[in-house]
Amino acid sequence: MGRHILYVICLLGGLAPAQTPQMKYGVPVKAGPMDSVLLKDYEPESSVVVPQTQVEKARFPVIDVHTHDDMSEIKSPHDVVRWLKTLDDTGVAMAVVFIDGTGDTFARKAKWFLAYPDRFQVWCGLETRDFDKPGYSTRAVAALEQCYRDGARGVGEISDKGWGIQDEKRPPGQRLHIDDPRLDPVWQKCATLHLPVNIHLADHPSCFRPLGPHQERTPDFQVFNLYGKPVPSYEELLAKRGRVLARNPKTTFIFCHLSNQGNDLAALRTDMDRYPNLYLDIAARDYELGRTPRAAALFLARYSDRVMFGTDMGADAEMYRGWWRLLETADEYIRGRLWWRQYGLELPAPLLEKLYRKNAQRLLNWQRP
């Protein structure tokens, strides 16, 4: 009763009642200039003083198993020559180039890279036109064989984030997904021709969660968000991976970006043990390896014969050197591309060499066109 009277007196007297300060971690939270800083603009300058190792060239010659012909830096044969200089400067011996096309489209684009057969290997796309019409499987296999004759030594990157491989925003039930039985003859022909298949399935699991204050990745990545959209769930897409692996045990499937399970290496271990034809690349998942360096190093050691190095991050020399620092050094608190910091894995030489080149040398098709 007394409190209520005091509250009324304060109001009548023009006085605000005393407020209990909000506490976080034992510190009173007070208003100040930082309250006007937007999250998207928050770029703290760290006071942490740690070694910063500059690794100019990779410890071993590298095979980058995940690049694209349509990178912004590569728009002409002259740009390919410039890229070769970057590869030389950073220690990359060869790059696998994904060309999204078949037939004349593939052949035309492939010429830029086939001019340097010791430095580039080209992979083709997948024929998806008229997949809902009779005879599709036969046409798709024929297109694959023609690409092989034109120099393709793999298939990829085949992307299915939920919209289907053709990515035309078709309604559910009218999409071509990787586990569609009509594609089995294609996957089986890949096994016959010894053509590995690189597949981007689903997306980072944060893409399937609501946007808002609890979203894991920064606003720069909201363009990839799939929450509430008419696509299969993250779990349903991973189940499609299981079906295609089980039905095509002789085909080498490389699921890129750590199969979008780099956030849960325990679950990925279970799947790796279940499917012996499941291989991985680490392209564009530096942040997954670098935020859990101990777990990542153990994972790479356990599956040292089944994980390959890839980038999918352009053709810039400093991009490559960032990878060397992450994988080869023990540097801490490395500024990364996302919100969280990264920590060097300091991989031992035998494991590093497998990741950089030996696995690719063993698994990919090296028959010259």
Protein backbone atom coordinates (compact mmCIF):
# COMPACT_ATOMS: atom_id res chain seq x y z
CA MET A 1 0.00 0.00 0.00
CA GLY A 2 2.81 2.35 0.94
CA ARG A 3 4.57 1.75 -2.40
CA HIS A 4 1.44 2.65 -4.36
CA ILE A 5 1.05 5.91 -2.39
CA LEU A 6 4.72 6.78 -3.01
CA TYR A 7 4.28 6.07 -6.74
CA VAL A 8 1.25 8.45 -6.89
CA ILE A 9 3.11 11.15 -4.97
CA CYS A 10 6.04 10.89 -7.38
CA LEU A 11 3.78 11.28 -10.38
CA LEU A 12 1.87 14.22 -8.85
CA GLY A 13 5.14 15.85 -7.94
CA GLY A 14 6.54 15.39 -11.44
CA LEU A 15 9.09 12.84 -10.29
CA ALA A 16 9.65 9.50 -12.05
CA PRO A 17 9.80 6.45 -9.82
CA ALA A 18 13.26 4.98 -9.39
CA GLN A 19 14.05 2.32 -12.01
CA THR A 20 15.96 -0.81 -11.21
CA PRO A 21 18.86 -0.90 -13.71
CA GLN A 22 18.94 -3.84 -16.10
CA MET A 23 21.87 -6.14 -15.37
CA LYS A 24 23.78 -8.35 -17.81
CA TYR A 25 26.61 -10.52 -16.52
CA GLY A 26 26.73 -8.42 -13.37
CA VAL A 27 27.10 -5.13 -15.24
CA PRO A 28 24.39 -2.42 -15.23
CA VAL A 29 23.16 -1.64 -18.73
CA LYS A 30 22.92 2.08 -19.40
CA ALA A 31 21.88 4.11 -22.43
CA GLY A 32 24.61 5.56 -24.60
CA PRO A 33 25.89 6.23 -28.15
CA MET A 34 26.21 2.51 -28.92
CA ASP A 35 22.41 2.19 -28.78
CA SER A 36 22.15 3.80 -32.21
CA VAL A 37 24.61 1.41 -33.92
CA LEU A 38 22.83 -0.97 -36.25
CA LEU A 39 23.78 -4.63 -36.20
CA LYS A 40 24.70 -4.56 -39.89
CA ASP A 41 27.17 -1.74 -39.17
CA TYR A 42 28.77 -3.30 -36.10
CA GLU A 43 32.41 -4.03 -36.94
CA PRO A 44 34.32 -4.12 -33.65
CA GLU A 45 38.07 -3.52 -33.72
CA SER A 46 39.52 -6.25 -31.55
CA SER A 47 42.19 -5.50 -28.96
CA VAL A 48 43.36 -9.13 -28.98
CA VAL A 49 47.02 -9.37 -29.95
CA VAL A 50 47.80 -12.68 -31.66
CA PRO A 51 50.29 -13.92 -34.26
CA GLN A 52 49.32 -13.26 -37.87
CA THR A 53 51.09 -15.71 -40.13
CA GLN A 54 51.26 -14.88 -43.83
CA VAL A 55 51.46 -18.05 -45.92
CA GLU A 56 52.29 -17.04 -49.48
CA LYS A 57 52.16 -20.51 -51.02
CA ALA A 58 50.53 -23.76 -49.98
CA ARG A 59 52.82 -26.28 -48.35
CA PHE A 60 52.11 -28.79 -51.13
CA PRO A 61 50.92 -28.27 -54.72
CA VAL A 62 47.13 -27.97 -54.54
CA ILE A 63 44.28 -29.25 -56.68
CA ASP A 64 41.30 -26.93 -56.20
CA VAL A 65 38.33 -29.22 -56.94
CA HIS A 66 35.64 -26.51 -56.84
CA THR A 67 35.76 -23.46 -59.12
CA HIS A 68 33.40 -22.04 -61.75
CA ASP A 69 33.81 -20.69 -65.26
CA ASP A 70 31.40 -17.83 -64.57
CA MET A 71 33.37 -16.24 -61.74
CA SER A 72 33.30 -12.44 -62.01
CA GLU A 73 37.07 -12.40 -62.50
CA ILE A 74 36.95 -14.80 -65.49
CA LYS A 75 35.20 -13.31 -68.53
CA SER A 76 37.67 -13.94 -71.35
CA PRO A 77 40.63 -16.12 -72.34
CA HIS A 78 42.87 -13.27 -71.17
CA ASP A 79 41.36 -13.58 -67.69
CA VAL A 80 42.23 -17.28 -67.69
CA VAL A 81 45.88 -16.35 -68.23
CA ARG A 82 45.71 -13.91 -65.31
CA TRP A 83 44.15 -16.64 -63.17
CA LEU A 84 47.04 -18.95 -64.02
CA LYS A 85 49.42 -16.32 -62.66
CA THR A 86 47.43 -16.25 -59.41
CA LEU A 87 47.52 -20.04 -59.19
CA ASP A 88 51.29 -20.00 -59.72
CA ASP A 89 51.78 -17.32 -57.06
CA THR A 90 49.77 -19.20 -54.44
CA GLY A 91 50.84 -22.79 -55.13
CA VAL A 92 47.75 -24.17 -56.88
CA ALA A 93 48.81 -26.73 -59.47
CA MET A 94 45.38 -27.37 -61.01
CA ALA A 95 41.77 -26.22 -60.76
CA VAL A 96 38.61 -28.14 -61.57
CA VAL A 97 36.27 -25.79 -63.42
CA PHE A 98 32.52 -26.36 -63.35
CA ILE A 99 30.82 -25.31 -66.59
CA ASP A 100 27.05 -25.08 -66.27
CA GLY A 101 25.95 -26.49 -69.59
CA THR A 102 25.93 -29.36 -72.05
CA GLY A 103 26.26 -29.63 -75.83
CA ASP A 104 27.55 -26.56 -77.67
CA THR A 105 27.33 -24.42 -74.53
CA PHE A 106 29.74 -26.69 -72.71
CA ALA A 107 32.08 -27.18 -75.67
CA ARG A 108 32.34 -23.44 -76.33
CA LYS A 109 33.16 -22.51 -72.75
CA ALA A 110 35.45 -25.48 -72.18
CA LYS A 111 37.87 -24.38 -74.91
CA TRP A 112 39.27 -21.58 -72.76
CA PHE A 113 40.43 -24.07 -70.15
CA LEU A 114 41.23 -27.10 -72.30
CA ALA A 115 43.97 -24.97 -73.86
CA TYR A 116 45.84 -25.61 -70.58
CA PRO A 117 45.22 -29.33 -69.92
CA ASP A 118 47.92 -29.53 -67.25
CA ARG A 119 46.31 -26.75 -65.21
CA PHE A 120 42.55 -27.11 -65.62
CA GLN A 121 40.06 -29.93 -65.68
CA VAL A 122 36.54 -29.14 -66.92
CA TRP A 123 33.29 -30.65 -65.70
CA CYS A 124 29.94 -30.36 -67.43
CA GLY A 125 26.39 -29.72 -66.35
CA LEU A 126 23.37 -31.98 -66.53
CA GLU A 127 20.78 -32.03 -69.31
CA THR A 128 17.44 -31.18 -67.68
CA ARG A 129 15.35 -29.91 -70.59
CA ASP A 130 12.05 -31.73 -71.05
CA PHE A 131 12.81 -34.01 -68.11
CA ASP A 132 9.07 -34.58 -67.73
CA LYS A 133 8.71 -35.95 -71.27
CA PRO A 134 9.23 -39.52 -72.51
CA GLY A 135 12.80 -40.59 -73.22
CA TYR A 136 14.40 -38.06 -70.90
CA SER A 137 16.87 -40.52 -69.33
CA THR A 138 18.14 -41.59 -72.75
CA ARG A 139 18.60 -37.98 -73.87
CA ALA A 140 20.38 -37.03 -70.65
CA VAL A 141 22.81 -39.96 -70.96
CA ALA A 142 23.51 -39.07 -74.60
CA ALA A 143 24.26 -35.46 -73.62
CA LEU A 144 26.61 -36.69 -70.90
CA GLU A 145 28.49 -38.92 -73.34
CA GLN A 146 28.89 -36.01 -75.77
CA CYS A 147 30.30 -33.82 -73.01
CA TYR A 148 32.74 -36.60 -72.15
CA ARG A 149 33.92 -36.68 -75.77
CA ASP A 150 34.27 -32.89 -75.65
CA GLY A 151 36.56 -33.09 -72.64
CA ALA A 152 34.39 -33.25 -69.52
CA ARG A 153 35.91 -35.34 -66.75
CA GLY A 154 33.19 -34.91 -64.17
CA VAL A 155 29.67 -33.58 -63.65
CA GLY A 156 28.91 -30.61 -61.44
CA GLU A 157 28.17 -28.52 -59.59
CA ILE A 158 24.62 -29.91 -59.61
CA SER A 159 22.54 -27.79 -57.26
CA ASP A 160 19.31 -28.70 -55.50
CA LYS A 161 18.49 -26.41 -52.61
CA GLY A 162 14.88 -27.56 -52.67
CA TRP A 163 13.62 -26.02 -55.89
CA GLY A 164 14.93 -28.93 -57.95
CA ILE A 165 17.99 -29.24 -60.14
CA GLN A 166 16.66 -27.04 -62.93
CA ASP A 167 15.91 -24.25 -60.39
CA GLU A 168 12.93 -22.86 -62.28
CA LYS A 169 10.72 -22.43 -59.22
CA ARG A 170 8.38 -25.19 -60.38
CA PRO A 171 5.66 -26.15 -57.89
CA PRO A 172 6.22 -29.11 -55.56
CA GLY A 173 5.70 -32.44 -57.28
CA GLN A 174 6.91 -31.09 -60.63
CA ARG A 175 10.60 -30.78 -59.81
CA LEU A 176 13.60 -32.90 -60.74
CA HIS A 177 15.46 -33.81 -57.55
CA ILE A 178 18.72 -35.73 -57.30
CA ASP A 179 16.98 -38.93 -56.15
CA ASP A 180 14.55 -38.99 -59.09
CA PRO A 181 14.70 -42.51 -60.63
CA ARG A 182 14.92 -40.90 -64.08
CA LEU A 183 18.43 -39.75 -63.15
CA ASP A 184 19.69 -43.20 -62.11
CA PRO A 185 20.82 -44.06 -65.69
CA VAL A 186 22.84 -40.81 -65.71
CA TRP A 187 24.50 -41.56 -62.37
CA GLN A 188 25.23 -45.10 -63.52
CA LYS A 189 26.77 -43.84 -66.77
CA CYS A 190 28.95 -41.55 -64.66
CA ALA A 191 30.22 -44.64 -62.85
CA THR A 192 30.92 -46.39 -66.17
CA LEU A 193 32.87 -43.41 -67.52
CA HIS A 194 34.53 -42.81 -64.16
CA LEU A 195 33.06 -39.31 -63.91
CA PRO A 196 32.70 -38.01 -60.33
CA VAL A 197 29.58 -35.98 -59.58
CA ASN A 198 29.69 -32.83 -57.46
CA ILE A 199 26.36 -31.98 -55.83
CA HIS A 200 25.25 -28.97 -53.80
CA LEU A 201 22.36 -30.29 -51.74
CA ALA A 202 20.20 -28.17 -49.43
CA ASP A 203 22.07 -25.18 -47.98
CA HIS A 204 23.52 -24.08 -44.69
CA PRO A 205 20.97 -25.12 -42.03
CA SER A 206 20.52 -21.51 -40.93
CA CYS A 207 18.78 -20.91 -44.26
CA PHE A 208 15.87 -23.04 -43.07
CA ARG A 209 15.33 -20.98 -39.90
CA PRO A 210 13.44 -17.68 -39.56
CA LEU A 211 15.14 -14.40 -40.26
CA GLY A 212 15.40 -12.17 -37.22
CA PRO A 213 17.52 -11.50 -34.14
CA HIS A 214 18.30 -15.19 -33.62
CA GLN A 215 19.39 -15.88 -37.19
CA GLU A 216 22.92 -17.30 -37.12
CA ARG A 217 24.41 -15.67 -40.20
CA THR A 218 24.63 -11.95 -40.90
CA PRO A 219 22.12 -10.06 -43.09
CA ASP A 220 24.46 -10.46 -46.08
CA PHE A 221 23.25 -14.07 -46.32
CA GLN A 222 19.52 -13.50 -45.99
CA VAL A 223 19.17 -13.75 -49.78
CA PHE A 224 19.62 -17.51 -49.39
CA ASN A 225 16.89 -17.92 -46.78
CA LEU A 226 14.36 -20.69 -47.46
CA TYR A 227 12.22 -20.50 -44.34
CA GLY A 228 8.51 -20.68 -45.13
CA LYS A 229 9.09 -21.30 -48.82
CA PRO A 230 7.57 -24.26 -50.69
CA VAL A 231 10.67 -26.46 -50.58
CA PRO A 232 11.46 -29.71 -48.77
CA SER A 233 12.90 -29.35 -45.29
CA TYR A 234 16.62 -29.58 -44.60
CA GLU A 235 16.11 -33.11 -43.25
CA GLU A 236 14.06 -34.18 -46.28
CA LEU A 237 16.78 -32.97 -48.64
CA LEU A 238 19.44 -34.93 -46.74
CA ALA A 239 17.21 -37.99 -47.04
CA LYS A 240 17.31 -37.56 -50.82
CA ARG A 241 21.09 -37.73 -50.62
CA GLY A 242 20.82 -41.03 -48.77
CA ARG A 243 18.56 -42.52 -51.42
CA VAL A 244 20.75 -41.56 -54.38
CA LEU A 245 23.86 -42.86 -52.63
CA ALA A 246 22.21 -46.17 -51.76
CA ARG A 247 20.85 -46.76 -55.27
CA ASN A 248 24.12 -45.87 -57.03
CA PRO A 249 26.93 -47.37 -54.93
CA LYS A 250 29.47 -47.42 -57.78
CA THR A 251 29.21 -43.69 -58.52
CA THR A 252 31.59 -41.26 -56.82
CA PHE A 253 29.48 -38.46 -55.33
CA ILE A 254 31.24 -35.41 -53.93
CA PHE A 255 28.82 -33.39 -51.83
CA CYS A 256 30.29 -29.93 -51.71
CA HIS A 257 30.43 -27.49 -48.79
CA LEU A 258 30.83 -30.40 -46.35
CA SER A 259 27.40 -31.50 -47.59
CA ASN A 260 26.06 -28.50 -45.65
CA GLN A 261 26.55 -30.41 -42.41
CA GLY A 262 29.71 -28.72 -41.22
CA ASN A 263 27.76 -27.35 -38.27
CA ASP A 264 27.10 -30.90 -36.97
CA LEU A 265 30.15 -33.04 -37.62
CA ALA A 266 28.81 -35.84 -35.41
CA ALA A 267 25.80 -36.29 -37.71
CA LEU A 268 28.04 -36.05 -40.76
CA ARG A 269 30.27 -38.79 -39.31
CA THR A 270 27.25 -41.06 -39.05
CA ASP A 271 26.40 -40.47 -42.71
CA MET A 272 29.99 -40.92 -43.86
CA ASP A 273 30.12 -44.28 -42.10
CA ARG A 274 26.82 -45.33 -43.64
CA TYR A 275 27.64 -44.43 -47.26
CA PRO A 276 31.13 -45.36 -48.50
CA ASN A 277 30.58 -43.52 -51.80
CA LEU A 278 29.93 -40.22 -50.02
CA TYR A 279 32.86 -37.83 -50.53
CA LEU A 280 33.15 -34.17 -49.56
CA ASP A 281 34.79 -30.93 -50.53
CA ILE A 282 35.34 -28.08 -48.07
CA ALA A 283 34.60 -25.27 -50.53
CA ALA A 284 33.27 -22.06 -48.99
CA ARG A 285 33.05 -23.64 -45.54
CA ASP A 286 36.16 -22.12 -44.06
CA TYR A 287 33.96 -20.66 -41.33
CA GLU A 288 32.67 -24.10 -40.31
CA LEU A 289 36.17 -25.55 -40.01
CA GLY A 290 37.60 -22.46 -38.36
CA ARG A 291 35.01 -21.99 -35.63
CA THR A 292 35.40 -25.60 -34.36
CA PRO A 293 39.05 -26.27 -35.18
CA ARG A 294 39.63 -29.23 -32.86
CA ALA A 295 36.51 -31.10 -33.96
CA ALA A 296 37.21 -30.24 -37.60
CA ALA A 297 40.80 -31.50 -37.45
CA LEU A 298 39.62 -34.78 -35.91
CA PHE A 299 36.95 -35.14 -38.59
CA LEU A 300 39.43 -34.52 -41.40
CA ALA A 301 41.82 -37.05 -39.88
CA ARG A 302 39.10 -39.70 -39.55
CA TYR A 303 38.02 -39.29 -43.19
CA SER A 304 41.42 -38.34 -44.53
CA ASP A 305 40.84 -40.32 -47.76
CA ARG A 306 37.42 -38.84 -48.55
CA VAL A 307 37.64 -35.06 -48.23
CA MET A 308 39.10 -32.72 -50.86
CA PHE A 309 40.14 -29.10 -50.96
CA GLY A 310 38.00 -26.63 -52.90
CA THR A 311 37.28 -22.91 -52.75
CA ASP A 312 34.19 -21.67 -54.66
CA MET A 313 35.23 -18.17 -53.61
CA GLY A 314 36.59 -16.55 -56.75
CA ALA A 315 40.12 -16.29 -58.09
CA ASP A 316 41.79 -13.82 -55.72
CA ALA A 317 45.27 -14.60 -54.40
CA GLU A 318 44.49 -13.43 -50.86
CA MET A 319 41.47 -15.73 -50.77
CA TYR A 320 43.79 -18.69 -51.37
CA ARG A 321 46.28 -17.44 -48.79
CA GLY A 322 43.49 -17.18 -46.25
CA TRP A 323 42.88 -20.88 -46.74
CA TRP A 324 46.58 -21.71 -46.26
CA ARG A 325 46.61 -19.74 -43.01
CA LEU A 326 43.50 -21.52 -41.74
CA LEU A 327 44.64 -25.04 -42.61
CA GLU A 328 48.39 -24.82 -42.01
CA THR A 329 48.93 -22.49 -39.04
CA ALA A 330 47.93 -22.34 -35.37
CA ASP A 331 46.88 -18.68 -35.62
CA GLU A 332 43.97 -17.71 -33.39
CA TYR A 333 41.11 -15.25 -33.63
CA ILE A 334 41.36 -14.96 -37.41
CA ARG A 335 38.97 -12.48 -38.95
CA GLY A 336 36.60 -14.47 -41.15
CA ARG A 337 33.93 -13.78 -43.72
CA LEU A 338 31.09 -14.21 -41.23
CA TRP A 339 30.28 -12.96 -37.76
CA TRP A 340 32.47 -15.39 -35.83
CA ARG A 341 36.24 -15.63 -35.71
CA GLN A 342 38.25 -18.57 -37.00
CA TYR A 343 41.11 -20.58 -35.52
CA GLY A 344 43.88 -22.33 -37.43
CA LEU A 345 43.75 -26.12 -37.68
CA GLU A 346 47.53 -26.64 -38.04
CA LEU A 347 46.98 -29.89 -39.94
CA PRO A 348 49.90 -32.35 -40.00
CA ALA A 349 51.74 -32.69 -43.30
CA PRO A 350 50.42 -36.16 -44.33
CA LEU A 351 46.81 -35.10 -43.76
CA LEU A 352 47.34 -31.75 -45.44
CA GLU A 353 48.81 -33.38 -48.54
CA LYS A 354 45.84 -35.75 -48.85
CA LEU A 355 43.41 -32.86 -48.52
CA TYR A 356 45.31 -30.63 -50.93
CA ARG A 357 45.99 -33.08 -53.74
CA LYS A 358 46.40 -36.81 -53.08
CA ASN A 359 42.69 -37.57 -52.69
CA ALA A 360 41.89 -35.69 -55.88
CA GLN A 361 44.70 -37.51 -57.68
CA ARG A 362 43.19 -40.82 -56.61
CA LEU A 363 39.49 -40.11 -57.07
CA LEU A 364 39.16 -37.89 -60.13
CA ASN A 365 39.33 -38.94 -63.78
CA TRP A 366 42.72 -37.97 -65.20
CA GLN A 367 42.32 -39.44 -68.68
CA ARG A 368 43.33 -36.71 -71.11
CA PRO A 369 40.65 -35.46 -73.48
